[in-house]
Protein backbone atom coordinates (compact mmCIF):
# COMPACT_ATOMS: atom_id res chain seq x y z
CA MET A 1 -2.08 13.94 -13.96
CA GLY A 2 -4.85 16.40 -14.55
CA VAL A 3 -4.68 20.13 -13.90
CA GLY A 4 -6.85 19.81 -10.79
CA ASP A 5 -5.04 16.73 -9.47
CA ARG A 6 -3.46 17.43 -6.07
CA ARG A 7 -1.16 14.41 -6.17
CA LYS A 8 2.56 15.04 -6.19
CA HIS A 9 3.44 11.70 -7.85
CA GLU A 10 2.03 9.83 -10.83
CA ARG A 11 -0.16 6.86 -9.90
CA LEU A 12 0.25 3.51 -11.61
CA GLU A 13 -2.77 1.27 -12.04
CA VAL A 14 -1.31 -1.99 -10.72
CA GLN A 15 -2.54 -4.86 -8.63
CA PHE A 16 -0.08 -6.27 -6.10
CA ARG A 17 -0.92 -8.53 -3.19
CA THR A 18 -0.32 -6.50 -0.05
CA LEU A 19 0.20 -7.26 3.63
CA LEU A 20 -0.53 -4.58 6.22
CA SER A 21 0.62 -4.79 9.82
CA PRO A 22 -1.04 -2.06 11.87
CA LYS A 23 0.88 -0.86 14.91
CA GLY A 24 -0.05 -3.01 17.89
CA TYR A 25 -1.64 -5.73 15.71
CA ASN A 26 -0.15 -9.22 16.06
CA SER A 27 -0.68 -10.40 12.49
CA SER A 28 -0.86 -9.08 8.95
CA ILE A 29 -3.99 -8.06 7.10
CA ALA A 30 -4.20 -9.06 3.43
CA GLY A 31 -5.21 -6.71 0.67
CA VAL A 32 -4.62 -5.80 -2.95
CA ALA A 33 -2.99 -2.54 -3.98
CA GLU A 34 -5.03 -1.09 -6.82
CA ASN A 35 -2.79 1.82 -7.56
CA LEU A 36 0.59 2.91 -6.39
CA SER A 37 2.79 5.98 -6.49
CA GLN A 38 6.05 7.06 -4.90
CA GLY A 39 4.00 8.73 -2.14
CA GLY A 40 1.16 6.32 -1.43
CA ALA A 41 -1.30 3.65 -2.52
CA PHE A 42 -4.91 2.57 -2.31
CA VAL A 43 -5.32 -0.93 -0.86
CA LYS A 44 -8.56 -2.87 -1.11
CA THR A 45 -9.14 -5.03 1.96
CA THR A 46 -12.15 -6.60 3.63
CA ASP A 47 -10.54 -5.70 6.96
CA TRP A 48 -10.55 -1.91 6.44
CA SER A 49 -12.47 -1.49 9.72
CA ASN A 50 -9.31 -2.47 11.64
CA PHE A 51 -7.79 0.90 10.74
CA GLN A 52 -8.26 4.49 11.84
CA ILE A 53 -7.10 7.63 10.07
CA ASN A 54 -3.51 8.51 11.05
CA ASP A 55 -2.75 4.94 12.22
CA LYS A 56 0.75 3.82 11.32
CA ALA A 57 1.36 0.47 9.65
CA VAL A 58 4.09 -1.57 8.04
CA VAL A 59 3.13 -2.38 4.46
CA ALA A 60 4.62 -5.03 2.17
CA PHE A 61 3.88 -5.22 -1.54
CA LEU A 62 4.40 -8.72 -2.94
CA LEU A 63 5.73 -8.59 -6.48
CA PRO A 64 4.92 -11.56 -8.70
CA ARG A 65 7.77 -13.45 -10.35
CA SER A 66 6.77 -12.07 -13.75
CA PHE A 67 7.27 -8.53 -12.44
CA SER A 68 10.55 -9.07 -10.61
CA LYS A 69 12.08 -11.50 -13.15
CA LEU A 70 13.23 -13.64 -10.21
CA ASP A 71 12.32 -17.26 -9.41
CA VAL A 72 10.49 -16.28 -6.21
CA VAL A 73 7.88 -13.79 -5.11
CA VAL A 74 9.66 -10.81 -3.56
CA GLY A 75 8.36 -8.01 -1.43
CA LEU A 76 9.06 -4.37 -0.87
CA GLU A 77 8.41 -3.18 2.67
CA GLY A 78 8.06 0.23 4.25
CA THR A 79 5.93 2.23 6.63
CA ALA A 80 2.81 4.22 5.95
CA LYS A 81 0.17 6.33 7.62
CA ILE A 82 -3.54 5.72 6.98
CA ALA A 83 -4.68 8.79 5.04
CA ARG A 84 -8.29 7.74 4.42
CA ILE A 85 -10.73 4.90 4.90
CA ASP A 86 -13.04 4.28 1.95
CA GLN A 87 -16.05 2.20 2.97
CA VAL A 88 -17.67 2.55 -0.46
CA HIS A 89 -14.70 1.00 -2.30
CA GLY A 90 -13.69 -1.26 0.61
CA GLY A 91 -10.18 -0.12 1.26
CA ILE A 92 -7.73 2.34 2.70
CA GLY A 93 -5.56 5.11 1.31
CA LEU A 94 -1.95 5.01 2.46
CA ARG A 95 0.58 7.83 2.60
CA PHE A 96 4.11 6.43 2.75
CA THR A 97 6.51 7.83 5.35
CA LYS A 98 9.27 7.71 2.70
CA GLU A 99 9.04 7.31 -1.06
CA PHE A 100 8.31 3.86 -2.46
CA ARG A 101 11.72 3.72 -4.19
CA HIS A 102 13.28 3.64 -0.68
CA PHE A 103 11.29 0.61 0.53
CA LYS A 104 13.49 -2.36 1.45
CA TRP A 105 13.48 -5.75 -0.27
CA VAL A 106 12.13 -8.57 1.89
């Protein structure tokens, strides 16, 4: 991280399929996490307009078999707050309510 970087955790440049379930929304919204840290992620989604800053959502990151070394796709699920909406890059910034390492396997 650079000297002027305000982030508390290192970001990894990864791409995981992601499902977001905003509070009060009956289905999941698909996206792709473009980077991920213990504290948050940026998720590209064409449905970014369904979110507002400070909305809460359940987020699941789907790990490919090659990443998990298992025979099936597995997910890690937790809760997040929408920290920003980025219309230019077509996505949303998430701030996790607890660190990524504490997400549960689904």
